Protein backbone atom coordinates (compact mmCIF):
# COMPACT_ATOMS: atom_id res chain seq x y z
CA MET A 1 15.17 6.30 -4.63
CA ASP A 2 18.37 7.21 -2.80
CA PRO A 3 20.01 3.90 -1.74
CA ASN A 4 21.56 5.60 1.34
CA SER A 5 18.31 6.97 2.76
CA THR A 6 16.29 5.34 5.52
CA ILE A 7 12.55 5.37 4.90
CA SER A 8 9.58 3.50 6.28
CA ARG A 9 7.98 0.48 4.66
CA LYS A 10 4.89 2.60 4.04
CA ASP A 11 6.95 5.19 2.20
CA VAL A 12 8.56 2.44 0.11
CA ARG A 13 5.17 0.90 -0.72
CA ASP A 14 3.69 4.29 -1.62
CA ALA A 15 6.65 5.13 -3.88
CA LEU A 16 6.50 1.72 -5.58
CA VAL A 17 2.77 2.03 -6.23
CA ARG A 18 3.25 5.52 -7.69
CA ALA A 19 6.07 4.24 -9.90
CA ALA A 20 3.97 1.26 -11.05
CA LEU A 21 1.05 3.53 -11.93
CA LYS A 22 3.30 5.74 -14.07
CA ASP A 23 5.55 3.12 -15.67
CA GLU A 24 4.02 0.09 -17.40
CA ALA A 25 7.39 -1.69 -17.75
CA PHE A 26 8.02 -1.34 -14.01
CA ARG A 27 4.49 -2.54 -13.26
CA GLU A 28 5.05 -5.64 -15.40
CA SER A 29 8.39 -6.24 -13.66
CA LEU A 30 6.64 -6.04 -10.27
CA LEU A 31 4.04 -8.53 -11.43
CA ALA A 32 6.66 -10.94 -12.79
CA ASN A 33 9.20 -10.78 -9.94
CA PRO A 34 8.27 -8.41 -7.09
CA LYS A 35 11.42 -8.82 -5.01
CA PHE A 36 13.76 -8.26 -7.96
CA ALA A 37 11.77 -5.19 -9.07
CA VAL A 38 11.87 -3.71 -5.56
CA GLU A 39 15.59 -4.36 -5.24
CA ARG A 40 16.25 -2.72 -8.59
CA GLU A 41 14.10 0.30 -7.70
CA LEU A 42 15.74 0.70 -4.27
CA GLY A 43 19.23 0.02 -5.56
CA LYS A 44 19.74 -2.47 -2.71
CA THR A 45 19.68 -6.22 -2.29
CA LEU A 46 17.00 -7.23 0.19
CA PRO A 47 17.76 -9.85 2.86
CA ASP A 48 17.13 -13.45 1.76
CA ARG A 49 14.70 -13.89 4.68
CA LEU A 50 12.51 -11.02 3.40
CA GLN A 51 9.72 -12.07 1.07
CA VAL A 52 8.05 -9.56 -1.23
CA VAL A 53 4.48 -10.42 -2.24
CA LEU A 54 2.52 -8.42 -4.78
CA LEU A 55 -1.27 -8.47 -4.59
CA ARG A 56 -3.26 -6.76 -7.33
CA GLU A 57 -6.72 -5.50 -6.50
CA THR A 58 -9.58 -5.83 -8.97
CA ASP A 59 -13.05 -4.34 -9.13
CA ASN A 60 -14.31 -7.23 -7.00
CA LEU A 61 -11.33 -7.78 -4.72
CA MET A 62 -9.93 -5.50 -2.02
CA TYR A 63 -6.94 -6.24 0.22
CA ILE A 64 -6.39 -4.87 3.70
CA VAL A 65 -2.80 -5.04 4.90
CA LEU A 66 -2.18 -4.84 8.62
CA PRO A 67 1.17 -3.45 9.72
CA LYS A 68 3.53 -5.76 11.58
CA ASP A 69 3.38 -3.56 14.69
CA PHE A 70 0.66 -1.32 16.06
CA PRO A 71 1.74 1.79 17.97
CA ASP A 72 -0.27 2.14 21.19
CA GLU A 73 -1.73 5.49 20.13
CA ALA A 74 -2.92 4.01 16.82
CA ALA A 75 -4.70 1.14 18.54
CA HIS A 76 -7.33 3.44 20.04
CA LEU A 77 -9.38 5.80 17.93
CA THR A 78 -10.89 8.94 19.39
CA ASP A 79 -14.65 9.30 19.19
CA ALA A 80 -14.23 11.79 16.33
CA GLU A 81 -11.91 9.43 14.40
CA LEU A 82 -14.31 6.54 14.96
CA GLU A 83 -17.21 8.64 13.70
CA ASN A 84 -15.28 9.54 10.56
CA VAL A 85 -14.53 5.90 9.85
CA ALA A 86 -18.04 4.67 10.63
CA GLY A 87 -19.84 7.52 8.89
CA GLY A 88 -18.84 6.85 5.30
CA PHE A 89 -18.44 4.22 2.63
CA LEU A 90 -15.51 3.47 0.39
CA SER A 91 -16.41 3.76 -3.24
CA ALA A 92 -14.93 0.90 -5.27
CA ASP A 93 -14.78 3.20 -8.30
CA SER A 94 -12.91 6.11 -6.79
CA ASN A 95 -11.01 4.57 -3.86
CA MET A 96 -12.18 7.59 -1.88
CA LEU A 97 -14.14 7.67 1.34
CA SER A 98 -17.44 9.43 0.89
CA PRO A 99 -20.48 9.79 3.12
CA GLN A 100 -23.30 7.39 2.45
CA ASP A 101 -21.94 6.16 -0.90
CA PRO A 102 -24.44 3.52 -2.07
CA THR A 103 -22.07 1.96 -4.61
CA PHE A 104 -20.02 0.13 -2.00
């Protein structure tokens, strides 16, 4: 990652997850010391007040992370968006939303 670029937390998380999926040594570093691994990957020292917590999902455990702020437009779903969310099930095997998936 370019240490001079400004990117969102979501972009950072997505990039770190992709890196951890590809690189076993990086994944082990994240598990052992998440903040140090993130700092090394970003090429920046994070503020002392910022904690970095790594949670690893399993077949029987799913985490939902809420953002620190909710934009007003994201707080209200349209009827179509609500139908899409309510009309399917998340498969634990594929991590993909599919209609009427009985495995969830």
